[in-house]
Structures are given as structure tokens and as C-alpha cells.
Amino acid sequence: MKAADFKPAWWLRSPHLQTLWPVLFKKRFKLDLVADRLELDDGDFVDLCWSKKPSADTVLVLHGLEGSLNSHYANSLMHRLEHAAYRPVFMYFRGCSGDLNRLPRAYHSGDTGDLHTVVQHIKNKTGRYPYGVVGFSLGGNVLLKWLGETGGSNPVAKAVAVSVPFKLHDAADRLEEGVSKLYRDYLLRSLRKTYTRKFTRISSPLDVEVDQLKSFWDYDDKVTAPLHGFDGVQDYYDQSSCRQFLQDIKIPTRIIHALDDPFMYRSTPPDAAELSSFVELLLTHHGGHAGFISGHTPLTASSWSENKIIEFLGGEN
């Protein structure tokens, strides 16, 4: 672990303000991107968006649960990566691009297969594997799990994960407490809406009333787990939580996490003994969930986590 130098904006010291202010007020940039639909072997697809900026070094960006290219962290990082002389590529998890995916299955916190396929696709298209991969929240969990699974054979040079739910059990419990229920309700509404839209178009293999599922424990037990071959929610969380994979990571990896993240407990991040020598964990006291906003006023607000991502990848050129 490494001491982190983040100082929150004085007007955003609360974890909830750190979490919500960038969602509502952070500037969104107009990005000039090329859409790329990758057909998968199982008959489904994932959508990618490529920067038009020419560069030998691509950086793949992964979003969080129900996120998109318009998510504040993704939009601004794509912009920053372009200006740092990288070619960013954004990956939508199945069903998140606006077009519903074709199969009953969707995406989940432990699904590393699509990530692996996209990394190979980038190699096939450019002649080189991505230089780096950056994942946020659920995308960070997927990334760290994949890095641990692949170990020394992983083909990327560097990775960064931000605001990761290291133990999915903890996240499901924490989102049942206090103000964090607001995040739970927002995300579950989105998941239920997507489920309903998809299964008015195709037949669902499940006999479930999704509108009755009011917690992540319930939704993941009745929907996520059976759709993706798990034996219930406990099996899904046990197999998919990335914390158990961190010791097996063999490429330089930076993890950025706030102890006041309202999606998790202070005890959720791993101990130093659980990290491989390739992993650097930056723990801050403040920052909320994918927040990390500093600055003296809203007009001078900046993203500390973005600075740390660019710094770790190699700096701006």
C-alpha cells in the first residue's frame, strides 16, 4: 500500500457529495469516436468506441454497473487519454450500449471472457495488444479478476482499477444501509428496466417478477446468478469477487480506492499481504465512489484519480 496525497475539495468533503457532484456537474466532452461492433462466438456482440487519434498505444476503458460512455469518469478519461497521446478504446459490456444484446445472458462482475476477447480483438485490429486497461467499479472488479486469472501470461503492460467492489458480499450489504440505499435503488431500477425491455423481445428462461426484487442480494440470486450459470447469489459473489485474485497479478497495476466509498465498508479493501508485488494500492480517506474531486471552487474542480491514472500509465506527452 502507498500513502495517497488526495485532498478533497473543501466543498465536497462528504463521500456522497464526492460521488454525486461529478455525476451531475462534471463537464462532458464531445468525443470524436468510431463505433465498432465485435461479433462473439456465442452469437452475441459487444460494442466498442475507438478514438480517431492515431497512436501506437491503445488504452481500453471499462465502465461500472449500468455505466456508459457518458458516465462522468469514462467521458473525461477518454478525453484525457487522447491528450496524453494514447488511443483510448471504450468497451460497453453486453447490453449497455443502447442496443439490447441478443442472448438471455448479460454481463456481471466476474465475467472476464468478453474482456479477454476484446483485448485479442484490439491486437488483431492494430497489431499490438492494448498498452493499458482502466476499469471503474464493476469494470475494475472484472479487470482485476482477469489480471489474476491470466497471471504471467497477461498481454497488457499496465492496468488501473478505481473504486472496486473487492468483496461483492460487502457491496450488497453496504448498499442496504443509510443514504447508500439511494444508489441501490437507482441501479436496481436501471437493471429491472433493462431486463423488462429485453424480455419483452425474447423469451426469458426465468420465472421471476423483477419489480419485486428490492435488494442486490435478491436481484443477483433470482436473475444474475441463474442467467450466468451460478448456483445462487452466494456462489456468484464467492466466485466473482476480485480480492482473492490480487496475489496472482503479474503486471504493474495501480488500484485507487477511498475508505469512505459509500458502496463499501472501510474493511472491504485488501490488506497488504493480499497484494502481489506488482500491485500498488492507493488508499485515500476521502473520495467517495469514483469521485476524487479536488479544487478550490467548482470552476477549478479537477479529478485527482484521472491525474493518478495518467501518471501511472506514463504521463502526458
Protein backbone atom coordinates (compact mmCIF):
# COMPACT_ATOMS: atom_id res chain seq x y z
CA MET A 1 0.00 0.00 0.00
CA LYS A 2 1.07 3.57 -0.67
CA ALA A 3 0.14 6.77 1.13
CA ALA A 4 -2.15 8.80 -1.11
CA ASP A 5 -1.99 12.59 -1.36
CA PHE A 6 -5.62 13.27 -2.30
CA LYS A 7 -7.22 16.30 -0.64
CA PRO A 8 -10.92 16.64 -1.39
CA ALA A 9 -12.41 19.94 -2.41
CA TRP A 10 -13.47 21.69 0.81
CA TRP A 11 -16.99 22.00 -0.60
CA LEU A 12 -17.13 18.25 -1.35
CA ARG A 13 -15.79 16.59 1.78
CA SER A 14 -18.75 14.23 2.23
CA PRO A 15 -18.50 10.87 0.43
CA HIS A 16 -21.96 11.37 -1.05
CA LEU A 17 -21.09 14.80 -2.45
CA GLN A 18 -17.87 13.34 -3.89
CA THR A 19 -19.92 10.57 -5.51
CA LEU A 20 -22.83 12.66 -6.81
CA TRP A 21 -21.28 16.01 -7.79
CA PRO A 22 -19.36 14.66 -10.81
CA VAL A 23 -22.41 12.67 -11.94
CA LEU A 24 -24.47 15.87 -12.02
CA PHE A 25 -21.98 18.64 -12.77
CA LYS A 26 -18.71 17.33 -14.18
CA LYS A 27 -18.07 18.57 -17.71
CA ARG A 28 -18.79 16.14 -20.55
CA PHE A 29 -16.56 16.42 -23.60
CA LYS A 30 -17.57 15.95 -27.20
CA LEU A 31 -15.60 12.91 -28.34
CA ASP A 32 -14.91 12.04 -31.97
CA LEU A 33 -15.13 8.25 -31.96
CA VAL A 34 -15.62 5.35 -34.32
CA ALA A 35 -18.17 2.65 -33.42
CA ASP A 36 -17.07 -0.99 -33.70
CA ARG A 37 -19.40 -3.94 -33.14
CA LEU A 38 -17.50 -7.11 -32.21
CA GLU A 39 -19.40 -10.29 -33.03
CA LEU A 40 -18.83 -13.01 -30.41
CA ASP A 41 -18.55 -16.76 -30.87
CA ASP A 42 -21.76 -17.39 -28.92
CA GLY A 43 -23.83 -15.32 -31.34
CA ASP A 44 -23.91 -12.18 -29.21
CA PHE A 45 -21.92 -8.95 -29.57
CA VAL A 46 -20.18 -6.20 -27.64
CA ASP A 47 -19.87 -2.62 -28.83
CA LEU A 48 -16.65 -0.63 -28.75
CA CYS A 49 -15.87 3.02 -29.43
CA TRP A 50 -12.42 3.90 -30.77
CA SER A 51 -10.72 7.25 -30.68
CA LYS A 52 -9.73 8.51 -34.13
CA LYS A 53 -6.46 9.81 -32.70
CA PRO A 54 -3.56 7.86 -34.22
CA SER A 55 -1.28 6.27 -31.64
CA ALA A 56 0.65 3.04 -31.29
CA ASP A 57 -0.51 2.71 -27.68
CA THR A 58 -4.18 1.92 -27.06
CA VAL A 59 -5.78 2.08 -23.61
CA LEU A 60 -9.01 0.15 -23.05
CA VAL A 61 -11.59 1.72 -20.69
CA LEU A 62 -14.21 -0.34 -18.79
CA HIS A 63 -17.31 1.17 -17.18
CA GLY A 64 -19.16 0.34 -13.99
CA LEU A 65 -22.56 -1.23 -13.34
CA GLU A 66 -25.10 0.20 -15.82
CA GLY A 67 -22.49 2.71 -16.96
CA SER A 68 -21.83 4.10 -20.42
CA LEU A 69 -19.54 6.33 -22.42
CA ASN A 70 -21.43 9.28 -20.94
CA SER A 71 -20.55 8.27 -17.38
CA HIS A 72 -18.51 11.14 -15.98
CA TYR A 73 -15.43 9.05 -15.26
CA ALA A 74 -15.41 7.42 -18.72
CA ASN A 75 -16.08 10.52 -20.80
CA SER A 76 -13.42 12.65 -19.16
CA LEU A 77 -10.81 9.89 -19.04
CA MET A 78 -11.26 9.20 -22.77
CA HIS A 79 -10.64 12.93 -23.34
CA ARG A 80 -7.56 12.95 -21.08
CA LEU A 81 -6.12 9.83 -22.69
CA GLU A 82 -6.34 11.40 -26.13
CA HIS A 83 -4.49 14.47 -24.90
CA ALA A 84 -1.87 12.21 -23.29
CA ALA A 85 -1.09 10.77 -26.75
CA TYR A 86 -2.88 7.46 -26.26
CA ARG A 87 -5.63 6.00 -28.41
CA PRO A 88 -8.46 5.18 -25.98
CA VAL A 89 -10.97 2.44 -26.74
CA PHE A 90 -14.21 2.21 -24.76
CA MET A 91 -15.84 -1.18 -24.19
CA TYR A 92 -19.55 -1.47 -23.46
CA PHE A 93 -20.49 -4.55 -21.51
CA ARG A 94 -23.23 -6.61 -23.14
CA GLY A 95 -26.49 -4.70 -23.41
CA CYS A 96 -25.11 -1.37 -22.16
CA SER A 97 -24.55 0.44 -25.48
CA GLY A 98 -28.22 1.26 -26.06
CA ASP A 99 -28.80 -1.83 -28.18
CA LEU A 100 -30.03 -4.82 -26.21
CA ASN A 101 -27.81 -7.88 -26.53
CA ARG A 102 -29.23 -10.92 -28.28
CA LEU A 103 -28.92 -13.64 -25.65
CA PRO A 104 -30.73 -14.06 -22.31
CA ARG A 105 -27.40 -13.67 -20.50
CA ALA A 106 -25.98 -10.19 -19.97
CA TYR A 107 -22.84 -9.11 -18.09
CA HIS A 108 -21.73 -9.48 -14.49
CA SER A 109 -18.95 -8.62 -12.07
CA GLY A 110 -16.92 -11.76 -12.72
CA ASP A 111 -17.31 -12.07 -16.49
CA THR A 112 -13.74 -11.88 -17.81
CA GLY A 113 -14.36 -13.76 -21.06
CA ASP A 114 -15.60 -10.76 -23.04
CA LEU A 115 -12.72 -8.62 -21.78
CA HIS A 116 -10.23 -11.25 -22.93
CA THR A 117 -11.91 -11.39 -26.35
CA VAL A 118 -11.84 -7.59 -26.72
CA VAL A 119 -8.14 -7.44 -25.82
CA GLN A 120 -7.41 -10.01 -28.53
CA HIS A 121 -9.62 -8.06 -30.96
CA ILE A 122 -7.54 -4.93 -30.35
CA LYS A 123 -4.41 -6.95 -31.08
CA ASN A 124 -5.92 -8.31 -34.30
CA LYS A 125 -7.03 -4.85 -35.42
CA THR A 126 -3.92 -2.83 -34.55
CA GLY A 127 -1.15 -5.41 -34.50
CA ARG A 128 -0.48 -4.73 -30.80
CA TYR A 129 -2.16 -5.58 -27.53
CA PRO A 130 -3.52 -2.64 -25.51
CA TYR A 131 -0.80 -0.83 -23.64
CA GLY A 132 -3.13 -0.44 -20.68
CA VAL A 133 -6.60 -1.18 -19.34
CA VAL A 134 -8.51 1.06 -16.89
CA GLY A 135 -11.62 -0.21 -15.10
CA PHE A 136 -14.09 1.56 -12.83
CA SER A 137 -16.22 -0.09 -10.12
CA LEU A 138 -17.70 -3.29 -11.64
CA GLY A 139 -15.31 -2.87 -14.58
CA GLY A 140 -12.45 -2.64 -12.11
CA ASN A 141 -13.53 -5.90 -10.47
CA VAL A 142 -13.66 -7.61 -13.87
CA LEU A 143 -10.23 -6.21 -14.74
CA LEU A 144 -8.51 -7.30 -11.52
CA LYS A 145 -10.07 -10.76 -11.66
CA TRP A 146 -8.86 -11.16 -15.27
CA LEU A 147 -5.35 -9.99 -14.35
CA GLY A 148 -5.20 -12.58 -11.57
CA GLU A 149 -6.60 -15.36 -13.73
CA THR A 150 -4.09 -14.75 -16.51
CA GLY A 151 -1.10 -14.09 -14.24
CA GLY A 152 2.22 -14.01 -16.06
CA SER A 153 0.61 -14.62 -19.43
CA ASN A 154 -1.37 -11.36 -19.38
CA PRO A 155 -0.52 -9.37 -22.52
CA VAL A 156 -1.05 -5.76 -21.38
CA ALA A 157 1.69 -3.56 -19.95
CA LYS A 158 -0.21 -1.69 -17.20
CA ALA A 159 -3.61 -1.61 -15.52
CA VAL A 160 -5.53 0.74 -13.23
CA ALA A 161 -8.69 -0.05 -11.26
CA VAL A 162 -10.76 2.62 -9.48
CA SER A 163 -13.39 2.22 -6.73
CA VAL A 164 -13.50 -1.56 -6.94
CA PRO A 165 -16.06 -3.70 -5.02
CA PHE A 166 -13.37 -6.17 -3.91
CA LYS A 167 -15.92 -8.27 -1.99
CA LEU A 168 -19.31 -8.34 -3.68
CA HIS A 169 -20.94 -9.56 -0.47
CA ASP A 170 -19.80 -6.34 1.24
CA ALA A 171 -21.17 -4.14 -1.52
CA ALA A 172 -24.56 -5.86 -1.45
CA ASP A 173 -24.75 -5.37 2.34
CA ARG A 174 -23.42 -1.79 2.35
CA LEU A 175 -25.99 -0.68 -0.21
CA GLU A 176 -28.72 -1.71 2.23
CA GLU A 177 -27.60 0.92 4.76
CA GLY A 178 -28.43 4.59 5.19
CA VAL A 179 -28.07 7.02 2.31
CA SER A 180 -26.42 4.27 0.23
CA LYS A 181 -29.92 2.87 -0.39
CA LEU A 182 -30.32 5.70 -2.92
CA TYR A 183 -27.58 4.21 -5.08
CA ARG A 184 -29.09 0.76 -4.66
CA ASP A 185 -32.50 1.96 -5.79
CA TYR A 186 -31.12 3.84 -8.80
CA LEU A 187 -29.04 0.90 -10.04
CA LEU A 188 -31.76 -1.68 -9.47
CA ARG A 189 -34.29 0.44 -11.33
CA SER A 190 -31.93 0.51 -14.29
CA LEU A 191 -31.31 -3.25 -14.12
CA ARG A 192 -35.02 -4.05 -13.85
CA LYS A 193 -35.82 -1.73 -16.76
CA THR A 194 -33.19 -3.37 -18.97
CA TYR A 195 -34.42 -6.85 -18.02
CA THR A 196 -38.02 -5.93 -18.85
CA ARG A 197 -37.07 -4.36 -22.19
CA LYS A 198 -35.03 -7.37 -23.24
CA PHE A 199 -37.56 -9.99 -22.23
CA THR A 200 -40.45 -8.35 -24.00
CA ARG A 201 -38.42 -9.02 -27.14
CA ILE A 202 -37.16 -12.53 -26.39
CA SER A 203 -38.37 -15.28 -24.06
CA SER A 204 -36.91 -15.29 -20.54
CA PRO A 205 -35.63 -18.59 -19.12
CA LEU A 206 -36.54 -17.34 -15.64
CA ASP A 207 -39.82 -17.30 -13.75
CA VAL A 208 -39.35 -14.11 -11.77
CA GLU A 209 -41.12 -10.81 -11.13
CA VAL A 210 -38.18 -8.40 -11.29
CA ASP A 211 -40.23 -5.50 -9.92
CA GLN A 212 -40.40 -7.40 -6.63
CA LEU A 213 -36.58 -7.58 -6.29
CA LYS A 214 -35.61 -4.73 -4.00
CA SER A 215 -32.04 -5.62 -2.98
CA PHE A 216 -28.90 -6.71 -4.80
CA TRP A 217 -28.97 -9.97 -2.84
CA ASP A 218 -32.42 -10.69 -4.29
CA TYR A 219 -31.69 -9.50 -7.82
CA ASP A 220 -28.39 -11.36 -8.08
CA ASP A 221 -29.93 -14.51 -6.59
CA LYS A 222 -33.00 -14.54 -8.83
CA VAL A 223 -31.55 -13.03 -12.04
CA THR A 224 -27.77 -12.60 -12.28
CA ALA A 225 -26.79 -15.98 -10.84
CA PRO A 226 -29.17 -18.23 -12.82
CA LEU A 227 -28.67 -16.33 -16.09
CA HIS A 228 -24.92 -16.85 -15.86
CA GLY A 229 -24.63 -20.39 -14.53
CA PHE A 230 -24.05 -19.79 -10.83
CA ASP A 231 -25.60 -21.81 -8.04
CA GLY A 232 -27.28 -18.86 -6.36
CA VAL A 233 -26.09 -15.48 -5.17
CA GLN A 234 -23.54 -16.77 -2.67
CA ASP A 235 -21.82 -18.82 -5.35
CA TYR A 236 -21.83 -15.82 -7.70
CA TYR A 237 -20.29 -13.49 -5.12
CA ASP A 238 -17.78 -16.12 -3.97
CA GLN A 239 -16.51 -16.83 -7.47
CA SER A 240 -16.63 -13.30 -8.85
CA SER A 241 -15.13 -11.13 -6.08
CA CYS A 242 -11.71 -9.97 -7.26
CA ARG A 243 -10.00 -9.72 -3.86
CA GLN A 244 -8.99 -13.40 -3.95
CA PHE A 245 -7.18 -12.90 -7.30
CA LEU A 246 -4.94 -9.98 -6.35
CA GLN A 247 -1.95 -12.08 -5.27
CA ASP A 248 -1.74 -13.62 -8.74
CA ILE A 249 -1.42 -10.38 -10.71
CA LYS A 250 1.87 -10.22 -12.60
CA ILE A 251 1.75 -6.88 -14.43
CA PRO A 252 2.16 -3.38 -12.92
CA THR A 253 -1.25 -2.44 -11.53
CA ARG A 254 -2.47 0.57 -9.59
CA ILE A 255 -5.68 0.44 -7.53
CA ILE A 256 -7.29 3.70 -6.40
CA HIS A 257 -9.83 3.45 -3.58
CA ALA A 258 -11.44 5.70 -0.96
CA LEU A 259 -12.07 4.43 2.54
CA ASP A 260 -15.30 6.45 2.67
CA ASP A 261 -16.69 4.85 -0.50
CA PRO A 262 -20.46 4.61 0.22
CA PHE A 263 -20.70 1.40 -1.84
CA MET A 264 -18.38 -0.48 0.54
CA TYR A 265 -17.12 -0.78 4.11
CA ARG A 266 -13.80 0.53 5.36
CA SER A 267 -12.77 -3.12 5.80
CA THR A 268 -13.56 -4.07 2.19
CA PRO A 269 -10.17 -3.18 0.60
CA PRO A 270 -7.46 -5.87 0.77
CA ASP A 271 -4.62 -5.97 3.27
CA ALA A 272 -1.04 -5.52 2.07
CA ALA A 273 -0.43 -9.26 2.44
CA GLU A 274 -3.14 -9.96 -0.15
CA LEU A 275 -1.43 -7.92 -2.87
CA SER A 276 1.18 -9.21 -5.26
CA SER A 277 4.42 -7.24 -5.56
CA PHE A 278 3.08 -5.86 -8.87
CA VAL A 279 0.08 -4.17 -7.24
CA GLU A 280 0.13 -0.67 -5.78
CA LEU A 281 -2.91 0.25 -3.69
CA LEU A 282 -3.56 3.97 -3.22
CA LEU A 283 -5.95 4.32 -0.28
CA THR A 284 -7.45 7.71 0.46
CA HIS A 285 -9.56 8.78 3.43
CA HIS A 286 -11.96 10.70 1.18
CA GLY A 287 -13.15 10.46 -2.40
CA GLY A 288 -16.48 8.63 -2.35
CA HIS A 289 -17.28 6.24 -5.20
CA ALA A 290 -15.39 7.17 -8.40
CA GLY A 291 -15.28 10.78 -7.18
CA PHE A 292 -11.86 12.06 -6.09
CA ILE A 293 -12.69 15.69 -6.93
CA SER A 294 -10.31 18.40 -5.76
CA GLY A 295 -10.16 22.16 -6.37
CA HIS A 296 -10.80 25.43 -4.57
CA THR A 297 -14.09 26.17 -6.37
CA PRO A 298 -16.46 24.33 -8.73
CA LEU A 299 -14.92 26.28 -11.62
CA THR A 300 -11.46 24.92 -10.80
CA ALA A 301 -12.56 21.39 -9.94
CA SER A 302 -10.30 18.60 -11.19
CA SER A 303 -10.11 14.82 -10.99
CA TRP A 304 -7.27 13.58 -8.80
CA SER A 305 -7.89 9.98 -9.85
CA GLU A 306 -7.53 10.88 -13.54
CA ASN A 307 -4.20 12.52 -12.76
CA LYS A 308 -3.07 9.35 -10.99
CA ILE A 309 -4.21 7.18 -13.90
CA ILE A 310 -2.29 9.25 -16.47
CA GLU A 311 0.73 9.42 -14.17
CA PHE A 312 0.82 5.64 -13.78
CA LEU A 313 0.42 4.97 -17.49
CA GLY A 314 3.41 7.14 -18.18
CA GLY A 315 2.38 10.77 -18.10
CA GLU A 316 1.11 13.27 -20.62
CA ASN A 317 3.24 13.91 -23.67
